[in-house]
Structure formats: C-alpha cells, structure tokens
C-alpha cells in the first residue's frame, strides 16, 4: 500500500511539473499581455496598482497571459518587408506570427483589439488574421524596436500593392503594442 501511495504521489508531482511547463511565466520584463477569451493563462486578475498602464486605459481581466521578449522569440517567427507611413523607405521587420501567439494562449477565433501604450487601438477580425501573415514585430532591419521607435511591438502584415489601412482603425498597423484583447470592444 505504501509503495502504491508513493507511486501515485510521484506520478502526480511529475504530471503537475509537466502542466507547469506548458504555461511558463515570464522570467524578465513583461512586454505583452493577452487577455479576454483565452483558454490558457499564466497570471491572475488585473491589479490596478501593479498594472497601472493597463488600468489607465480601462483594461480589466480576471486572468491573462503575459509574455516577456524571450517567450515571444520562442514562438514561430515571421518576416515582413514593408514601408509603413511612419518610415521614409521600406524596412524588414521580424517577430512572432500573430496566429502562433493566439494558438499559444488558446484564443477564441473572434475580433482582436490591439492596444498601444499611448491609448490608441486598432482591431482585426478573425478573417483578417487568417488571411494574412501578421507579425508582432520586435525588430526592424535586425535591431530591436525601442520605446519611441514604434516598440516594444509593432503589429504588421504583408499588404497588396497600394492597399492602405482603413479609416475605421480596422487593420491599422498599431505600434507601441502592449496589450491584445481577444473578443474585446
């Protein structure tokens, strides 16, 4: 009986270790939080004091998934060469594929609201995500995007020649991204 109990305890502790490994927590500074209709989380509810930038923008959640830079670099990466209106010439951007990030957090296939540090937001329908290679750009021409340089994250995609962002914020290339709401607004 003692051996059986010991075997069950060992099996349960091994299983809980595997479960913990499936949902890693950031080891470094959090640069992106994903909330809303996500099946996987690695943090609890919004703390208005600790999460003051989120709270100032009236963002709220019971649980969410936080990413540091290393976690984002661990996802499947994509590259996009484009000339956004903010730049004088085309540049090559790289970062995790949005669809891979959404798969990691087990996001519902619904509208996404993408929030920037300055309060700006844009949105993408599920069809937008499915029909284009959106990336969460972390670098421009091999150099990390910093604050004040459209960083820490700039959501970009490949666009057809002459295609422009819509005036209603649908599909805009949001820069300074720090929060994505799945099923928001």
N, C-alpha and C. Protein backbone atom coordinates (compact mmCIF):
# COMPACT_ATOMS: atom_id res chain seq x y z
N UNK A 1 0.83 -1.19 0.00
CA UNK A 1 0.00 0.00 0.00
C UNK A 1 0.87 1.26 0.00
N UNK A 2 1.93 1.24 0.80
CA UNK A 2 2.83 2.38 0.86
C UNK A 2 3.49 2.63 -0.49
N UNK A 3 3.91 1.54 -1.16
CA UNK A 3 4.52 1.67 -2.49
C UNK A 3 3.54 2.27 -3.49
N UNK A 4 2.30 1.82 -3.43
CA UNK A 4 1.28 2.33 -4.35
C UNK A 4 1.03 3.82 -4.10
N UNK A 5 0.93 4.21 -2.84
CA UNK A 5 0.72 5.62 -2.49
C UNK A 5 1.90 6.46 -2.96
N UNK A 6 3.11 5.95 -2.75
CA UNK A 6 4.31 6.65 -3.19
C UNK A 6 4.33 6.80 -4.71
N UNK A 7 3.97 5.75 -5.43
CA UNK A 7 3.94 5.80 -6.89
C UNK A 7 2.92 6.83 -7.38
N UNK A 8 1.76 6.88 -6.75
CA UNK A 8 0.73 7.86 -7.14
C UNK A 8 1.23 9.27 -6.88
N UNK A 9 1.87 9.51 -5.74
CA UNK A 9 2.42 10.83 -5.40
C UNK A 9 3.48 11.26 -6.42
N UNK A 10 4.36 10.33 -6.79
CA UNK A 10 5.40 10.63 -7.77
C UNK A 10 4.77 10.95 -9.12
N UNK A 11 3.80 10.16 -9.53
CA UNK A 11 3.13 10.40 -10.80
C UNK A 11 2.42 11.75 -10.81
N UNK A 12 1.74 12.09 -9.73
CA UNK A 12 1.04 13.36 -9.65
C UNK A 12 2.00 14.53 -9.66
N UNK A 13 3.12 14.42 -8.96
CA UNK A 13 4.08 15.52 -8.96
C UNK A 13 4.72 15.67 -10.33
N UNK A 14 4.98 14.58 -11.02
CA UNK A 14 5.53 14.65 -12.37
C UNK A 14 4.53 15.29 -13.32
N UNK A 15 3.25 14.93 -13.19
CA UNK A 15 2.20 15.50 -14.03
C UNK A 15 2.04 16.99 -13.79
N UNK A 16 2.09 17.42 -12.51
CA UNK A 16 1.95 18.85 -12.22
C UNK A 16 3.15 19.62 -12.74
N UNK A 17 4.33 19.01 -12.76
CA UNK A 17 5.50 19.65 -13.34
C UNK A 17 5.35 19.84 -14.83
N UNK A 18 4.77 18.86 -15.50
CA UNK A 18 4.51 18.98 -16.94
C UNK A 18 3.49 20.07 -17.18
N UNK A 19 2.43 20.13 -16.38
CA UNK A 19 1.41 21.16 -16.55
C UNK A 19 2.01 22.54 -16.34
N UNK A 20 2.89 22.69 -15.36
CA UNK A 20 3.52 23.98 -15.11
C UNK A 20 4.42 24.37 -16.28
N UNK A 21 5.09 23.39 -16.88
CA UNK A 21 5.97 23.67 -18.01
C UNK A 21 5.17 24.12 -19.23
N UNK A 22 3.94 23.69 -19.36
CA UNK A 22 3.11 24.07 -20.50
C UNK A 22 2.69 25.53 -20.46
N UNK A 23 2.64 26.12 -19.27
CA UNK A 23 2.23 27.51 -19.13
C UNK A 23 3.33 28.27 -18.41
N UNK A 24 4.38 28.63 -19.14
CA UNK A 24 5.50 29.32 -18.50
C UNK A 24 5.12 30.74 -18.08
N UNK A 25 5.83 31.22 -17.09
CA UNK A 25 5.68 32.60 -16.64
C UNK A 25 6.90 33.39 -17.12
N UNK A 26 6.72 34.67 -17.35
CA UNK A 26 7.86 35.47 -17.80
C UNK A 26 8.98 35.48 -16.76
N UNK A 27 10.21 35.37 -17.22
CA UNK A 27 11.38 35.46 -16.35
C UNK A 27 11.94 36.87 -16.35
N UNK A 28 11.49 37.69 -17.29
CA UNK A 28 12.02 39.04 -17.46
C UNK A 28 10.85 40.01 -17.57
N UNK A 29 11.13 41.22 -17.97
CA UNK A 29 10.12 42.27 -18.07
C UNK A 29 9.00 41.87 -19.04
N UNK A 30 7.77 41.99 -18.61
CA UNK A 30 6.61 41.69 -19.45
C UNK A 30 6.47 42.80 -20.48
N UNK A 31 6.37 42.42 -21.77
CA UNK A 31 6.17 43.43 -22.79
C UNK A 31 4.83 43.27 -23.51
N UNK A 32 4.14 42.15 -23.29
CA UNK A 32 2.84 41.95 -23.91
C UNK A 32 1.95 41.14 -22.98
N UNK A 33 0.71 41.60 -22.85
CA UNK A 33 -0.30 40.86 -22.10
C UNK A 33 -1.45 40.58 -23.05
N UNK A 34 -1.97 39.35 -23.01
CA UNK A 34 -3.11 38.96 -23.84
C UNK A 34 -4.22 38.54 -22.88
N UNK A 35 -5.37 39.20 -23.00
CA UNK A 35 -6.50 38.91 -22.13
C UNK A 35 -7.75 38.63 -22.93
N UNK A 36 -8.84 38.43 -22.22
CA UNK A 36 -10.12 38.17 -22.88
C UNK A 36 -10.39 36.69 -22.99
N UNK A 37 -10.85 36.29 -24.15
CA UNK A 37 -11.30 34.91 -24.37
C UNK A 37 -10.12 34.01 -24.73
N UNK A 38 -9.30 33.72 -23.72
CA UNK A 38 -8.14 32.84 -23.90
C UNK A 38 -8.30 31.62 -23.01
N UNK A 39 -7.88 30.47 -23.51
CA UNK A 39 -8.01 29.22 -22.77
C UNK A 39 -6.84 28.94 -21.85
N UNK A 40 -5.70 29.58 -22.10
CA UNK A 40 -4.51 29.41 -21.28
C UNK A 40 -4.12 30.75 -20.68
N UNK A 41 -3.78 30.74 -19.40
CA UNK A 41 -3.34 31.95 -18.74
C UNK A 41 -2.13 31.64 -17.87
N UNK A 42 -1.38 32.68 -17.53
CA UNK A 42 -0.25 32.49 -16.63
C UNK A 42 -0.19 33.58 -15.56
N UNK A 43 -1.29 34.33 -15.43
CA UNK A 43 -1.36 35.33 -14.37
C UNK A 43 -2.81 35.52 -13.95
N UNK A 44 -3.00 36.10 -12.80
CA UNK A 44 -4.33 36.35 -12.26
C UNK A 44 -4.91 37.67 -12.71
N UNK A 45 -5.86 38.18 -11.92
CA UNK A 45 -6.59 39.38 -12.32
C UNK A 45 -5.74 40.65 -12.32
N UNK A 46 -6.26 41.65 -13.01
CA UNK A 46 -5.62 42.95 -13.07
C UNK A 46 -5.47 43.51 -11.66
N UNK A 47 -4.30 44.02 -11.37
CA UNK A 47 -4.01 44.71 -10.11
C UNK A 47 -3.84 46.18 -10.47
N UNK A 48 -4.80 47.02 -10.08
CA UNK A 48 -4.81 48.41 -10.52
C UNK A 48 -3.53 49.18 -10.16
N UNK A 49 -2.86 48.79 -9.10
CA UNK A 49 -1.61 49.47 -8.73
C UNK A 49 -0.44 48.92 -9.54
N UNK A 50 -0.28 47.62 -9.56
CA UNK A 50 0.83 46.99 -10.28
C UNK A 50 0.68 47.18 -11.79
N UNK A 51 -0.53 47.12 -12.27
CA UNK A 51 -0.82 47.20 -13.71
C UNK A 51 -1.39 48.57 -14.07
N UNK A 52 -0.75 49.63 -13.60
CA UNK A 52 -1.32 50.97 -13.74
C UNK A 52 -1.51 51.40 -15.20
N UNK A 53 -0.61 51.01 -16.09
CA UNK A 53 -0.76 51.39 -17.51
C UNK A 53 -2.01 50.72 -18.10
N UNK A 54 -2.25 49.48 -17.76
CA UNK A 54 -3.46 48.79 -18.21
C UNK A 54 -4.70 49.44 -17.59
N UNK A 55 -4.65 49.70 -16.30
CA UNK A 55 -5.80 50.28 -15.60
C UNK A 55 -6.14 51.66 -16.14
N UNK A 56 -5.12 52.48 -16.46
CA UNK A 56 -5.37 53.82 -17.02
C UNK A 56 -6.15 53.77 -18.33
N UNK A 57 -6.01 52.67 -19.03
CA UNK A 57 -6.72 52.52 -20.31
C UNK A 57 -8.01 51.73 -20.15
N UNK A 58 -8.48 51.60 -18.92
CA UNK A 58 -9.73 50.89 -18.62
C UNK A 58 -9.72 49.45 -19.10
N UNK A 59 -8.56 48.83 -19.08
CA UNK A 59 -8.42 47.41 -19.39
C UNK A 59 -8.63 46.65 -18.09
N UNK A 60 -9.36 45.56 -18.17
CA UNK A 60 -9.62 44.75 -16.99
C UNK A 60 -9.71 43.30 -17.40
N UNK A 61 -9.29 42.40 -16.56
CA UNK A 61 -9.39 40.97 -16.82
C UNK A 61 -9.30 40.20 -15.52
N UNK A 62 -9.87 39.00 -15.54
CA UNK A 62 -9.79 38.10 -14.37
C UNK A 62 -8.52 37.26 -14.44
N UNK A 63 -8.06 37.00 -15.65
CA UNK A 63 -6.80 36.31 -15.87
C UNK A 63 -6.32 36.66 -17.27
N UNK A 64 -5.02 36.46 -17.51
CA UNK A 64 -4.44 36.81 -18.80
C UNK A 64 -3.17 36.00 -19.01
N UNK A 65 -2.53 36.22 -20.13
CA UNK A 65 -1.27 35.56 -20.44
C UNK A 65 -0.23 36.64 -20.71
N UNK A 66 0.86 36.62 -19.94
CA UNK A 66 1.93 37.59 -20.09
C UNK A 66 3.10 36.97 -20.85
N UNK A 67 3.76 37.81 -21.65
CA UNK A 67 4.93 37.40 -22.41
C UNK A 67 6.07 38.36 -22.16
N UNK A 68 7.27 37.81 -21.95
CA UNK A 68 8.46 38.64 -22.00
C UNK A 68 9.08 38.45 -23.39
N UNK A 69 10.13 39.18 -23.68
CA UNK A 69 10.73 39.12 -25.02
C UNK A 69 11.19 37.71 -25.38
N UNK A 70 11.82 37.01 -24.44
CA UNK A 70 12.31 35.66 -24.71
C UNK A 70 11.17 34.71 -25.06
N UNK A 71 10.04 34.85 -24.38
CA UNK A 71 8.88 34.00 -24.68
C UNK A 71 8.37 34.28 -26.09
N UNK A 72 8.35 35.55 -26.49
CA UNK A 72 7.90 35.90 -27.84
C UNK A 72 8.88 35.38 -28.88
N UNK A 73 10.16 35.46 -28.59
CA UNK A 73 11.17 34.94 -29.53
C UNK A 73 11.12 33.42 -29.63
N UNK A 74 10.54 32.75 -28.63
CA UNK A 74 10.40 31.30 -28.65
C UNK A 74 9.25 30.81 -29.53
N UNK A 75 8.41 31.72 -29.99
CA UNK A 75 7.30 31.35 -30.88
C UNK A 75 7.80 31.34 -32.33
N UNK A 76 7.00 30.76 -33.24
CA UNK A 76 7.36 30.77 -34.65
C UNK A 76 7.49 32.20 -35.13
N UNK A 77 8.61 32.50 -35.80
CA UNK A 77 8.90 33.86 -36.23
C UNK A 77 8.55 34.07 -37.70
N UNK A 78 8.19 35.29 -38.01
CA UNK A 78 7.90 35.67 -39.39
C UNK A 78 8.67 36.93 -39.74
N UNK A 79 8.76 37.21 -41.02
CA UNK A 79 9.45 38.40 -41.52
C UNK A 79 8.55 39.08 -42.53
N UNK A 80 8.50 40.41 -42.45
CA UNK A 80 7.70 41.22 -43.37
C UNK A 80 8.56 42.38 -43.83
N UNK A 81 8.62 42.61 -45.12
CA UNK A 81 9.30 43.80 -45.66
C UNK A 81 8.22 44.72 -46.21
N UNK A 82 8.09 45.88 -45.58
CA UNK A 82 7.04 46.85 -45.95
C UNK A 82 7.57 48.26 -45.72
N UNK A 83 6.80 49.24 -46.22
CA UNK A 83 7.07 50.64 -45.94
C UNK A 83 5.83 51.24 -45.29
N UNK A 84 5.75 51.20 -43.96
CA UNK A 84 4.62 51.83 -43.29
C UNK A 84 4.69 53.35 -43.46
N UNK A 85 3.58 54.04 -43.28
CA UNK A 85 3.58 55.51 -43.45
C UNK A 85 4.58 56.23 -42.53
N UNK A 86 4.95 55.60 -41.42
CA UNK A 86 5.87 56.23 -40.48
C UNK A 86 7.32 56.24 -40.96
N UNK A 87 7.63 55.50 -42.02
CA UNK A 87 9.01 55.38 -42.50
C UNK A 87 9.17 55.97 -43.89
N UNK A 88 10.40 56.42 -44.18
CA UNK A 88 10.71 57.01 -45.49
C UNK A 88 11.05 55.98 -46.55
N UNK A 89 11.38 54.76 -46.11
CA UNK A 89 11.74 53.71 -47.07
C UNK A 89 11.33 52.36 -46.49
N UNK A 90 11.25 51.33 -47.34
CA UNK A 90 10.89 50.00 -46.84
C UNK A 90 11.90 49.49 -45.81
N UNK A 91 11.42 48.67 -44.90
CA UNK A 91 12.26 48.04 -43.89
C UNK A 91 11.82 46.60 -43.71
N UNK A 92 12.70 45.79 -43.16
CA UNK A 92 12.38 44.39 -42.88
C UNK A 92 12.16 44.23 -41.39
N UNK A 93 10.99 43.71 -41.05
CA UNK A 93 10.59 43.52 -39.67
C UNK A 93 10.50 42.03 -39.37
N UNK A 94 10.81 41.65 -38.14
CA UNK A 94 10.64 40.25 -37.75
C UNK A 94 10.09 40.17 -36.34
N UNK A 95 9.41 39.07 -36.09
CA UNK A 95 8.82 38.81 -34.78
C UNK A 95 7.89 37.62 -34.88
N UNK A 96 7.27 37.27 -33.77
CA UNK A 96 6.40 36.09 -33.77
C UNK A 96 5.16 36.29 -34.64
N UNK A 97 4.73 35.19 -35.25
CA UNK A 97 3.49 35.22 -36.02
C UNK A 97 2.31 35.37 -35.07
N UNK A 98 1.40 36.27 -35.40
CA UNK A 98 0.23 36.50 -34.55
C UNK A 98 -0.57 35.22 -34.37
N UNK A 99 -0.73 34.45 -35.44
CA UNK A 99 -1.54 33.22 -35.32
C UNK A 99 -0.91 32.21 -34.36
N UNK A 100 0.44 32.18 -34.28
CA UNK A 100 1.13 31.29 -33.35
C UNK A 100 0.93 31.78 -31.91
N UNK A 101 1.00 33.08 -31.70
CA UNK A 101 0.74 33.63 -30.38
C UNK A 101 -0.67 33.30 -29.93
N UNK A 102 -1.64 33.48 -30.83
CA UNK A 102 -3.03 33.18 -30.49
C UNK A 102 -3.23 31.69 -30.19
N UNK A 103 -2.52 30.83 -30.91
CA UNK A 103 -2.58 29.40 -30.63
C UNK A 103 -1.98 29.06 -29.27
N UNK A 104 -0.92 29.74 -28.91
CA UNK A 104 -0.27 29.50 -27.62
C UNK A 104 -1.22 29.78 -26.46
N UNK A 105 -2.01 30.84 -26.58
CA UNK A 105 -2.92 31.20 -25.48
C UNK A 105 -4.30 30.57 -25.65
N UNK A 106 -4.44 29.74 -26.70
CA UNK A 106 -5.72 29.09 -27.00
C UNK A 106 -6.85 30.12 -27.11
N UNK A 107 -6.59 31.13 -27.93
CA UNK A 107 -7.54 32.23 -28.12
C UNK A 107 -8.75 31.80 -28.92
N UNK A 108 -9.90 32.34 -28.56
CA UNK A 108 -11.11 32.13 -29.35
C UNK A 108 -10.92 32.83 -30.69
N UNK A 109 -11.57 32.34 -31.72
CA UNK A 109 -11.45 32.93 -33.05
C UNK A 109 -12.50 34.02 -33.19
N UNK A 110 -12.17 35.17 -32.64
CA UNK A 110 -13.07 36.33 -32.62
C UNK A 110 -12.25 37.60 -32.87
N UNK A 111 -12.92 38.72 -32.87
CA UNK A 111 -12.28 40.01 -33.06
C UNK A 111 -11.20 40.25 -32.00
N UNK A 112 -10.07 40.84 -32.45
CA UNK A 112 -8.99 41.21 -31.55
C UNK A 112 -8.92 42.74 -31.48
N UNK A 113 -8.73 43.26 -30.29
CA UNK A 113 -8.45 44.67 -30.13
C UNK A 113 -7.00 44.78 -29.68
N UNK A 114 -6.23 45.57 -30.41
CA UNK A 114 -4.80 45.71 -30.17
C UNK A 114 -4.57 47.09 -29.58
N UNK A 115 -3.99 47.15 -28.38
CA UNK A 115 -3.82 48.42 -27.66
C UNK A 115 -2.37 48.85 -27.64
N UNK A 116 -2.17 50.16 -27.83
CA UNK A 116 -0.84 50.76 -27.79
C UNK A 116 -0.64 51.48 -26.46
N UNK A 117 0.61 51.72 -26.14
CA UNK A 117 0.97 52.40 -24.90
C UNK A 117 0.34 53.79 -24.80
N UNK A 118 0.14 54.46 -25.94
CA UNK A 118 -0.41 55.81 -25.92
C UNK A 118 -1.94 55.85 -25.90
N UNK A 119 -2.58 54.70 -25.79
CA UNK A 119 -4.04 54.64 -25.74
C UNK A 119 -4.70 54.35 -27.07
N UNK A 120 -3.96 54.42 -28.16
CA UNK A 120 -4.52 54.12 -29.48
C UNK A 120 -4.87 52.64 -29.54
N UNK A 121 -5.91 52.31 -30.29
CA UNK A 121 -6.24 50.90 -30.51
C UNK A 121 -6.71 50.68 -31.93
N UNK A 122 -6.47 49.50 -32.41
CA UNK A 122 -6.95 49.04 -33.70
C UNK A 122 -7.56 47.67 -33.49
N UNK A 123 -8.16 47.13 -34.52
CA UNK A 123 -8.76 45.82 -34.35
C UNK A 123 -8.61 44.99 -35.61
N UNK A 124 -8.68 43.69 -35.40
CA UNK A 124 -8.62 42.73 -36.51
C UNK A 124 -9.73 41.71 -36.31
N UNK A 125 -10.44 41.41 -37.38
CA UNK A 125 -11.41 40.32 -37.36
C UNK A 125 -10.66 39.01 -37.52
N UNK A 126 -11.29 37.93 -37.12
CA UNK A 126 -10.67 36.61 -37.27
C UNK A 126 -10.27 36.36 -38.72
N UNK A 127 -11.09 36.83 -39.66
CA UNK A 127 -10.79 36.64 -41.09
C UNK A 127 -9.50 37.36 -41.48
N UNK A 128 -9.25 38.53 -40.87
CA UNK A 128 -8.02 39.27 -41.15
C UNK A 128 -6.80 38.46 -40.72
N UNK A 129 -6.87 37.89 -39.54
CA UNK A 129 -5.75 37.10 -39.01
C UNK A 129 -5.51 35.89 -39.89
N UNK A 130 -6.58 35.24 -40.31
CA UNK A 130 -6.47 34.02 -41.11
C UNK A 130 -5.96 34.30 -42.53
N UNK A 131 -6.23 35.50 -43.05
CA UNK A 131 -5.93 35.76 -44.46
C UNK A 131 -4.59 36.45 -44.71
N UNK A 132 -3.83 36.75 -43.68
CA UNK A 132 -2.58 37.46 -43.87
C UNK A 132 -1.56 37.02 -42.83
N UNK A 133 -0.30 37.21 -43.14
CA UNK A 133 0.78 36.85 -42.22
C UNK A 133 1.10 38.03 -41.30
N UNK A 134 0.28 38.22 -40.28
CA UNK A 134 0.51 39.26 -39.29
C UNK A 134 1.65 38.83 -38.39
N UNK A 135 2.53 39.77 -38.09
CA UNK A 135 3.59 39.50 -37.12
C UNK A 135 3.56 40.57 -36.03
N UNK A 136 4.07 40.19 -34.88
CA UNK A 136 4.29 41.12 -33.78
C UNK A 136 5.76 41.52 -33.87
N UNK A 137 6.04 42.53 -34.68
CA UNK A 137 7.42 42.89 -34.97
C UNK A 137 8.15 43.34 -33.71
N UNK A 138 9.27 42.71 -33.47
CA UNK A 138 10.16 43.06 -32.36
C UNK A 138 11.41 43.76 -32.87
N UNK A 139 11.73 43.56 -34.16
CA UNK A 139 12.93 44.17 -34.74
C UNK A 139 12.62 44.81 -36.08
N UNK A 140 13.41 45.83 -36.39
CA UNK A 140 13.38 46.48 -37.70
C UNK A 140 14.80 46.45 -38.24
N UNK A 141 14.96 45.84 -39.39
CA UNK A 141 16.28 45.68 -40.00
C UNK A 141 17.30 45.10 -39.01
N UNK A 142 16.85 44.11 -38.23
CA UNK A 142 17.71 43.39 -37.31
C UNK A 142 17.95 44.06 -35.97
N UNK A 143 17.41 45.26 -35.75
CA UNK A 143 17.61 45.97 -34.48
C UNK A 143 16.30 46.00 -33.69
N UNK A 144 16.37 45.76 -32.38
CA UNK A 144 15.14 45.78 -31.57
C UNK A 144 14.42 47.13 -31.66
N UNK A 145 13.09 47.06 -31.72
CA UNK A 145 12.28 48.28 -31.68
C UNK A 145 12.21 48.76 -30.24
N UNK A 146 12.59 49.98 -30.01
CA UNK A 146 12.54 50.53 -28.65
C UNK A 146 11.32 51.42 -28.48
N UNK A 147 11.08 51.82 -27.24
CA UNK A 147 10.03 52.79 -26.99
C UNK A 147 10.44 54.08 -27.69
N UNK A 148 9.48 54.72 -28.34
CA UNK A 148 9.79 55.90 -29.13
C UNK A 148 10.20 55.54 -30.56
N UNK A 149 10.33 54.25 -30.83
CA UNK A 149 10.68 53.75 -32.17
C UNK A 149 9.66 52.71 -32.60
N UNK A 150 8.42 52.94 -32.29
CA UNK A 150 7.30 52.06 -32.58
C UNK A 150 7.31 50.77 -31.76
N UNK A 151 8.20 50.65 -30.79
CA UNK A 151 8.27 49.45 -29.97
C UNK A 151 7.51 49.59 -28.67
N UNK A 152 7.43 48.57 -27.90
CA UNK A 152 8.23 47.35 -27.99
C UNK A 152 7.77 46.40 -29.08
N UNK A 153 6.52 46.56 -29.53
CA UNK A 153 5.95 45.66 -30.54
C UNK A 153 5.17 46.49 -31.55
N UNK A 154 5.32 46.15 -32.82
CA UNK A 154 4.59 46.81 -33.89
C UNK A 154 3.89 45.71 -34.69
N UNK A 155 2.56 45.72 -34.74
CA UNK A 155 1.84 44.68 -35.47
C UNK A 155 1.79 45.07 -36.94
N UNK A 156 2.35 44.20 -37.77
CA UNK A 156 2.47 44.46 -39.21
C UNK A 156 2.06 43.21 -39.99
N UNK A 157 1.76 43.43 -41.25
CA UNK A 157 1.49 42.30 -42.14
C UNK A 157 1.91 42.64 -43.55
N UNK A 158 1.86 41.64 -44.40
CA UNK A 158 2.10 41.89 -45.81
C UNK A 158 0.80 42.44 -46.38
N UNK A 159 0.91 43.44 -47.22
CA UNK A 159 -0.27 44.03 -47.86
C UNK A 159 -0.05 44.02 -49.37
N UNK A 160 -1.14 43.97 -50.08
CA UNK A 160 -1.07 44.05 -51.54
C UNK A 160 -0.61 45.44 -51.93
N UNK A 161 0.01 45.56 -53.09
CA UNK A 161 0.49 46.86 -53.56
C UNK A 161 -0.66 47.86 -53.58
N UNK A 162 -0.44 49.02 -52.98
CA UNK A 162 -1.44 50.07 -52.96
C UNK A 162 -2.49 49.93 -51.86
N UNK A 163 -2.51 48.80 -51.14
CA UNK A 163 -3.50 48.60 -50.08
C UNK A 163 -3.14 49.49 -48.89
N UNK A 164 -4.11 50.23 -48.39
CA UNK A 164 -3.91 51.14 -47.27
C UNK A 164 -4.79 50.71 -46.09
N UNK A 165 -4.41 51.15 -44.90
CA UNK A 165 -5.22 50.88 -43.71
C UNK A 165 -6.53 51.65 -43.81
N UNK A 166 -7.60 51.05 -43.32
CA UNK A 166 -8.92 51.68 -43.36
C UNK A 166 -9.01 52.80 -42.33
N UNK A 167 -9.89 53.77 -42.57
CA UNK A 167 -10.05 54.90 -41.67
C UNK A 167 -10.71 54.53 -40.35
N UNK A 168 -11.39 53.39 -40.29
CA UNK A 168 -12.12 53.00 -39.08
C UNK A 168 -11.24 52.23 -38.08
N UNK A 169 -9.93 52.26 -38.24
CA UNK A 169 -8.95 51.58 -37.40
C UNK A 169 -8.91 50.08 -37.66
N UNK A 170 -9.73 49.58 -38.55
CA UNK A 170 -9.71 48.17 -38.90
C UNK A 170 -8.43 47.86 -39.66
N UNK A 171 -7.63 47.00 -39.11
CA UNK A 171 -6.42 46.57 -39.78
C UNK A 171 -5.27 47.54 -39.72
N UNK A 172 -5.38 48.60 -38.93
CA UNK A 172 -4.26 49.53 -38.82
C UNK A 172 -3.04 48.82 -38.27
N UNK A 173 -1.89 49.31 -38.64
CA UNK A 173 -0.63 48.81 -38.11
C UNK A 173 -0.38 49.51 -36.78
N UNK A 174 -0.79 48.93 -35.71
CA UNK A 174 -0.65 49.55 -34.38
C UNK A 174 0.78 49.36 -33.90
N UNK A 175 1.41 50.43 -33.44
CA UNK A 175 2.75 50.33 -32.87
C UNK A 175 2.70 50.74 -31.41
N UNK A 176 3.75 50.36 -30.67
CA UNK A 176 3.76 50.57 -29.23
C UNK A 176 2.80 49.60 -28.55
N UNK A 177 2.59 48.43 -29.17
CA UNK A 177 1.62 47.44 -28.66
C UNK A 177 2.10 46.87 -27.33
N UNK A 178 1.16 46.78 -26.38
CA UNK A 178 1.47 46.14 -25.10
C UNK A 178 0.33 45.27 -24.60
N UNK A 179 -0.86 45.32 -25.27
CA UNK A 179 -1.99 44.53 -24.83
C UNK A 179 -2.84 44.12 -26.02
N UNK A 180 -3.30 42.87 -26.01
CA UNK A 180 -4.25 42.38 -27.01
C UNK A 180 -5.44 41.79 -26.26
N UNK A 181 -6.63 42.25 -26.60
CA UNK A 181 -7.86 41.75 -26.03
C UNK A 181 -8.53 40.82 -27.04
N UNK A 182 -8.71 39.57 -26.68
CA UNK A 182 -9.38 38.61 -27.56
C UNK A 182 -10.87 38.71 -27.27
N UNK A 183 -11.63 39.12 -28.29
CA UNK A 183 -13.07 39.29 -28.11
C UNK A 183 -13.43 40.63 -27.49
N UNK A 184 -12.53 41.59 -27.56
CA UNK A 184 -12.75 42.88 -26.91
C UNK A 184 -13.39 43.91 -27.81
N UNK A 185 -14.01 44.86 -27.15
CA UNK A 185 -14.65 46.03 -27.73
C UNK A 185 -15.46 45.65 -28.93
